[in-house]
Protein backbone atom coordinates (compact mmCIF):
# COMPACT_ATOMS: atom_id res chain seq x y z
CA VAL A 1 -7.08 2.46 14.09
CA GLN A 2 -7.79 -0.65 12.48
CA LEU A 3 -6.63 -1.19 9.27
CA GLN A 4 -8.36 -3.96 6.64
CA ALA A 5 -6.75 -4.45 3.11
CA SER A 6 -8.32 -6.45 0.37
CA GLY A 7 -8.89 -6.84 -3.44
CA GLY A 8 -5.59 -9.91 -3.44
CA GLY A 9 -5.52 -12.83 -5.42
CA LEU A 10 -3.52 -14.45 -8.80
CA ALA A 11 -3.12 -12.35 -11.67
CA GLN A 12 -1.05 -13.38 -15.36
CA ALA A 13 1.78 -10.73 -15.91
CA GLY A 14 0.36 -8.25 -17.76
CA ASP A 15 -3.01 -7.98 -15.85
CA SER A 16 -4.25 -5.48 -12.64
CA LEU A 17 -5.58 -5.99 -8.94
CA ARG A 18 -6.62 -3.03 -7.09
CA LEU A 19 -6.05 -3.13 -3.29
CA SER A 20 -8.13 -1.47 -0.58
CA CYS A 21 -6.93 -1.08 2.11
CA VAL A 22 -9.91 0.90 5.00
CA ALA A 23 -9.50 2.39 8.28
CA SER A 24 -11.42 2.40 11.06
CA GLY A 25 -11.59 2.90 15.23
CA ARG A 26 -10.07 6.90 14.34
CA PRO A 27 -9.77 7.95 11.03
CA ARG A 28 -10.36 11.43 11.83
CA THR A 29 -6.94 11.87 12.66
CA ARG A 30 -4.18 12.43 9.48
CA TYR A 31 -2.11 10.22 8.77
CA MET A 32 0.25 9.17 6.08
CA MET A 33 -0.68 6.27 4.23
CA GLY A 34 1.59 3.55 2.95
CA TRP A 35 1.48 0.29 1.14
CA PHE A 36 3.89 -2.56 2.27
CA ARG A 37 5.05 -5.80 0.64
CA GLN A 38 6.94 -8.97 1.69
CA ALA A 39 7.36 -11.73 -1.02
CA PRO A 40 8.75 -14.84 0.14
CA GLY A 41 11.86 -15.28 2.21
CA LYS A 42 12.34 -11.37 1.87
CA GLU A 43 12.15 -8.09 4.02
CA ARG A 44 9.13 -5.54 4.08
CA GLU A 45 10.13 -3.17 1.45
CA PHE A 46 8.06 0.05 0.56
CA VAL A 47 5.87 0.41 -2.25
CA ALA A 48 3.77 3.25 -1.95
CA ALA A 49 2.97 6.39 0.20
CA ILE A 50 0.45 8.87 0.40
CA SER A 51 -0.40 12.53 2.76
CA TRP A 52 -3.79 13.20 4.08
CA SER A 53 -4.63 15.17 1.76
CA GLY A 54 -3.49 13.05 -1.60
CA GLY A 55 -1.41 16.05 -2.91
CA SER A 56 1.97 14.00 -2.57
CA THR A 57 2.51 10.76 -2.87
CA VAL A 58 5.93 8.82 -2.85
CA TYR A 59 6.70 5.38 -4.95
CA GLU A 60 9.63 2.70 -5.39
CA ASP A 61 11.28 3.20 -8.34
CA SER A 62 10.42 -0.30 -9.65
CA VAL A 63 6.53 -0.22 -9.32
CA LYS A 64 6.88 3.75 -10.27
CA GLY A 65 4.66 4.33 -13.28
CA ARG A 66 2.75 1.35 -13.20
CA PHE A 67 1.38 1.81 -9.55
CA THR A 68 -1.11 4.80 -8.24
CA ILE A 69 -1.83 4.85 -4.25
CA SER A 70 -5.42 7.01 -4.19
CA ARG A 71 -6.98 7.81 -0.97
CA ASP A 72 -11.15 9.42 -0.02
CA ASN A 73 -10.70 10.37 3.25
CA ALA A 74 -14.63 10.06 3.35
CA LYS A 75 -14.08 6.71 3.09
CA ASN A 76 -11.62 6.06 5.37
CA THR A 77 -10.45 4.10 1.65
CA VAL A 78 -6.72 4.12 0.79
CA TYR A 79 -5.83 2.23 -2.70
CA LEU A 80 -3.15 0.61 -4.74
CA GLN A 81 -3.98 0.31 -8.00
CA MET A 82 -1.69 -2.33 -9.60
CA ASN A 83 -1.07 -1.88 -13.94
CA SER A 84 1.55 -4.21 -15.96
CA LEU A 85 1.74 -6.89 -12.53
CA LYS A 86 5.35 -8.69 -13.26
CA PRO A 87 5.96 -11.98 -11.48
CA GLU A 88 8.51 -10.22 -9.54
CA ASP A 89 5.66 -8.31 -7.46
CA THR A 90 4.08 -11.67 -6.22
CA ALA A 91 3.87 -10.67 -2.19
CA VAL A 92 1.77 -9.98 0.91
CA TYR A 93 0.84 -6.36 0.13
CA TYR A 94 0.45 -4.88 3.39
CA CYS A 95 -1.43 -1.14 4.41
CA ALA A 96 -0.23 1.04 7.05
CA ALA A 97 -1.04 4.42 8.81
CA SER A 98 1.23 6.45 10.55
CA ARG A 99 0.36 9.95 12.86
CA THR A 100 3.67 11.10 12.25
CA ALA A 101 5.92 10.26 9.06
CA ILE A 102 7.09 13.13 6.53
CA LEU A 103 8.16 12.27 2.83
CA SER A 104 11.22 12.01 3.29
CA SER A 105 10.40 8.63 6.08
CA VAL A 106 7.59 6.88 4.21
CA ARG A 107 9.72 4.79 2.88
CA LEU A 108 10.91 3.13 6.62
CA ILE A 109 8.94 0.73 8.33
CA ASN A 110 9.60 1.78 11.75
CA SER A 111 7.61 5.63 10.22
CA TYR A 112 4.35 3.28 10.94
CA GLN A 113 2.57 2.93 14.02
CA TYR A 114 -0.55 0.87 12.93
CA TRP A 115 -0.89 -2.10 10.47
CA GLY A 116 -2.91 -3.79 8.70
CA GLN A 117 -2.71 -8.06 7.82
CA GLY A 118 -2.19 -8.06 4.44
CA THR A 119 -3.67 -9.62 1.21
CA LEU A 120 -1.55 -12.49 -0.73
CA VAL A 121 -1.11 -10.79 -4.64
CA THR A 122 0.43 -13.84 -7.04
CA VAL A 123 1.81 -12.94 -10.45
CA SER A 124 1.99 -16.22 -12.40
CA SER A 125 3.94 -15.36 -15.75
C-alpha cells in the first residue's frame, strides 16, 4: 500500500490544521492507521492511531484534547485534525499503516509496515 500525506503548512499558535493521508494499492486490507511526527533533531514519535473500524483511538498525552484522528474507509483516507496548535507541535508528520498492530502496540514505530512521505507542520508563536 502507498500512503500520501498532505495538509501541512504554516500556522500560528492557537490555529488549526487538518492533515490527510490517502492510501492506495491494497486499501481493502484492514489496516491500523497511525500518525507520527519528527521534530528537528529529535526522534520520530507517536501521535495518534485509529483502528480499522474507527471505534478505537489512541493518543499521545501531549495532544489529547487538541488532536483528533478519524478515518473514512470509503475514501481510503485518514485525517488528523489539529486544534490549538503549539510551537512544540512543529514537526514533519508521517502517516503509517499496519497489518499487524494491536492497540497495545500502536505506539511502536516497528509495528507499522508502510509509511507516507511526511508533511511539514510549522507553528509559530
